[in-house]
Protein backbone atom coordinates (compact mmCIF):
# COMPACT_ATOMS: atom_id res chain seq x y z
CA MET A 1 114.24 134.95 127.89
CA ASP A 2 116.41 132.25 127.07
CA THR A 3 118.92 131.32 124.53
CA ILE A 4 117.09 128.09 123.95
CA THR A 5 113.55 129.71 123.91
CA ARG A 6 114.45 132.24 121.48
CA TYR A 7 115.99 129.49 118.92
CA VAL A 8 112.64 127.45 119.35
CA LEU A 9 110.31 130.19 118.87
CA PHE A 10 112.43 132.03 116.01
CA THR A 11 111.99 128.28 114.32
CA ILE A 12 108.48 128.28 115.00
CA ALA A 13 107.91 131.33 113.41
CA ASP A 14 110.11 130.81 110.68
CA LEU A 15 108.19 126.60 109.61
CA LEU A 16 104.78 128.97 110.43
CA ALA A 17 105.68 131.75 107.70
CA VAL A 18 106.95 128.91 105.50
CA TYR A 19 103.56 126.49 106.42
CA CYS A 20 101.82 130.10 104.70
CA LEU A 21 103.93 130.94 102.08
CA ILE A 22 103.22 127.45 100.63
CA PHE A 23 100.03 126.90 102.02
CA PHE A 24 98.73 130.29 99.76
CA LEU A 25 101.12 129.12 96.97
CA LEU A 26 99.09 125.66 96.52
CA LYS A 27 95.44 127.07 96.94
CA ARG A 28 96.99 129.85 94.06
CA TRP A 29 98.08 126.85 92.41
CA GLY A 30 95.13 125.26 92.39
CA ARG A 31 92.75 127.78 91.43
CA ASP A 32 94.45 128.18 88.23
CA PRO A 33 92.32 126.05 85.54
CA GLN A 34 95.46 125.85 83.12
CA ASN A 35 96.82 123.43 86.07
CA MET A 36 97.53 120.66 86.68
CA LEU A 37 96.91 120.75 90.43
CA PRO A 38 93.67 120.17 91.39
CA PRO A 39 91.21 123.00 93.34
CA ASN A 40 91.50 121.01 96.81
CA ILE A 41 95.39 120.35 96.72
CA ALA A 42 96.37 122.33 99.26
CA SER A 43 93.61 120.77 101.70
CA ARG A 44 94.62 117.36 100.64
CA ILE A 45 98.90 117.98 101.43
CA LYS A 46 98.36 120.48 104.44
CA PHE A 47 99.11 117.86 107.35
CA PRO A 48 102.20 116.00 105.74
CA LEU A 49 103.73 119.48 105.32
CA ILE A 50 102.67 119.97 108.76
CA VAL A 51 105.19 117.36 109.48
CA LEU A 52 107.57 117.68 106.80
CA LEU A 53 108.31 121.34 108.62
CA LEU A 54 107.70 119.97 112.13
CA ALA A 55 110.91 117.45 110.81
CA ILE A 56 112.47 120.25 109.22
CA GLY A 57 112.60 122.25 112.45
CA ILE A 58 113.90 119.26 114.25
CA GLN A 59 116.54 118.95 112.69
CA VAL A 60 117.05 122.85 112.40
CA GLY A 61 115.92 123.57 115.33
CA LEU A 62 117.96 121.46 117.84
CA ILE A 63 119.78 119.11 116.80
CA ASN A 64 122.20 120.85 114.18
CA ARG A 65 122.26 123.95 116.80
CA LYS A 66 123.04 121.42 119.42
CA LEU A 67 120.55 122.81 121.64
CA ILE A 68 120.27 119.28 123.01
CA THR A 69 123.28 117.57 124.24
CA ASP A 70 121.65 114.81 126.48
CA GLU A 71 122.35 111.59 124.05
CA GLY A 72 118.99 110.07 125.27
CA TYR A 73 117.19 113.11 123.43
CA VAL A 74 119.29 113.66 120.80
CA ALA A 75 118.49 109.74 119.45
CA PHE A 76 115.05 110.40 120.72
CA PHE A 77 114.51 113.22 118.23
CA GLN A 78 116.22 112.26 115.00
CA GLN A 79 114.03 109.19 115.12
CA LEU A 80 111.13 110.85 115.71
CA ARG A 81 112.42 113.37 112.62
CA SER A 82 113.27 110.41 110.46
CA LEU A 83 109.88 108.60 111.37
CA MET A 84 107.45 112.23 110.28
CA LEU A 85 110.10 112.39 107.24
CA ILE A 86 108.89 108.82 106.12
CA PHE A 87 105.58 109.80 107.03
CA SER A 88 105.15 113.02 105.11
CA PHE A 89 106.43 111.58 101.75
CA SER A 90 104.72 108.57 101.67
CA TRP A 91 101.64 110.83 102.34
CA PHE A 92 103.16 113.33 99.13
CA ILE A 93 103.80 110.25 97.24
CA ILE A 94 100.24 108.97 97.25
CA VAL A 95 99.00 111.80 96.72
CA GLY A 96 100.83 112.58 93.54
CA ILE A 97 99.40 108.92 92.98
CA ARG A 98 95.58 110.31 93.30
CA ILE A 99 96.19 113.48 91.52
CA THR A 100 97.73 111.57 88.64
CA LYS A 101 95.05 108.90 88.79
CA ASN A 102 92.40 111.48 88.52
CA GLN A 103 94.00 113.87 85.42
CA ILE A 104 94.08 110.17 83.37
CA LEU A 105 90.44 109.88 83.88
CA LYS A 106 89.28 113.51 82.81
CA ARG A 107 90.01 112.17 79.47
CA PHE A 108 87.37 109.40 79.85
CA ASP A 109 83.72 109.92 79.60
CA VAL A 110 81.66 107.58 81.48
CA THR A 111 78.26 109.45 81.15
CA THR A 112 78.08 108.64 77.03
CA SER A 113 76.03 105.92 75.67
CA ASP A 114 79.34 103.61 74.86
CA ASN A 115 81.02 103.74 77.58
CA LEU A 116 82.27 99.97 77.42
CA ARG A 117 86.17 101.60 76.90
CA ALA A 118 85.90 104.17 79.78
CA ARG A 119 84.68 101.99 82.16
CA LYS A 120 87.11 99.99 81.49
CA PHE A 121 90.14 102.30 82.06
CA TYR A 122 88.55 103.42 85.34
CA THR A 123 88.97 99.43 86.55
CA GLN A 124 92.02 99.07 85.24
CA PHE A 125 92.84 102.79 86.93
CA ASN A 126 91.38 101.95 90.41
CA ILE A 127 93.09 98.63 90.38
CA ILE A 128 96.32 100.19 90.11
CA GLU A 129 95.65 103.18 92.11
CA ARG A 130 95.26 100.61 94.75
CA ILE A 131 97.77 98.55 94.02
CA ALA A 132 100.47 101.58 93.88
CA ILE A 133 98.90 102.93 97.47
CA PHE A 134 99.47 99.79 99.10
CA VAL A 135 103.34 99.24 98.12
CA VAL A 136 103.80 102.58 98.96
CA ILE A 137 103.01 102.32 102.35
CA LEU A 138 104.56 98.62 102.72
CA PHE A 139 107.89 100.33 101.66
CA SER A 140 107.03 103.31 104.34
CA ILE A 141 106.56 100.91 106.85
CA GLY A 142 109.47 99.16 105.53
CA ILE A 143 111.80 101.60 105.88
CA SER A 144 110.41 103.22 109.67
CA LEU A 145 111.24 99.58 110.82
CA MET A 146 114.68 99.52 109.83
CA THR A 147 115.04 102.96 111.39
CA PHE A 148 114.90 100.67 114.79
CA GLU A 149 117.63 98.83 115.45
CA GLY A 150 115.53 95.81 117.36
CA VAL A 151 113.18 95.00 114.31
CA LYS A 152 115.41 96.13 111.66
CA GLU A 153 115.19 92.24 110.12
CA ILE A 154 111.39 92.91 110.09
CA GLY A 155 112.27 95.99 107.94
CA VAL A 156 114.63 94.39 105.70
CA SER A 157 112.17 91.20 104.95
CA LEU A 158 109.41 93.80 104.32
CA LEU A 159 110.71 95.74 101.90
CA THR A 160 112.42 92.25 99.90
CA SER A 161 108.14 90.68 100.04
CA ALA A 162 107.28 94.54 98.51
CA GLY A 163 110.07 94.53 96.31
CA ILE A 164 109.02 90.55 95.15
CA ALA A 165 105.15 91.39 95.04
CA GLY A 166 106.26 94.99 92.91
CA ILE A 167 108.11 92.17 90.55
CA ILE A 168 104.81 90.02 89.83
CA LEU A 169 102.40 92.24 89.89
CA GLY A 170 104.63 94.42 87.14
CA LEU A 171 104.89 90.97 85.47
CA SER A 172 101.09 90.23 85.35
CA ALA A 173 100.21 93.46 84.23
CA GLN A 174 101.62 93.31 80.75
CA LYS A 175 99.96 92.09 77.94
CA VAL A 176 100.60 88.63 76.66
């Protein structure tokens, strides 16, 4: 077995071990009723965790160890790594937004007879969640587009419009 194959196999084995450890810990923390994490946290972030670990594996296993020397392949794997990091962190943020919303809404009971206040909060938090997720997706698309040289201006304009939309939404959400 040559050196490159050995490095790739060891990197994959290491990443698999890290994934299993993180997945086990998240499942354990999710089952703990005193913990804020929901019981299904491990299944919610399984895919973005795999993508994040693959991006780390690309960086550590291929680029840092100089296993790939062709500039075209190095550029391709760096671009792929950047997109994978943006995708996984965006997914983590979206999962965090949903977990936070669910934790806040646990305080309100809509099954009571006088549930006007609870329904009001449910509606408001659902709208805020959708807006926040939209802004996160818009930012991640803009940042992803900025990694490509040919469409960098589109990414900048998307980020600018997302920032302006965020300011407008923030101002409109304030009480008069």
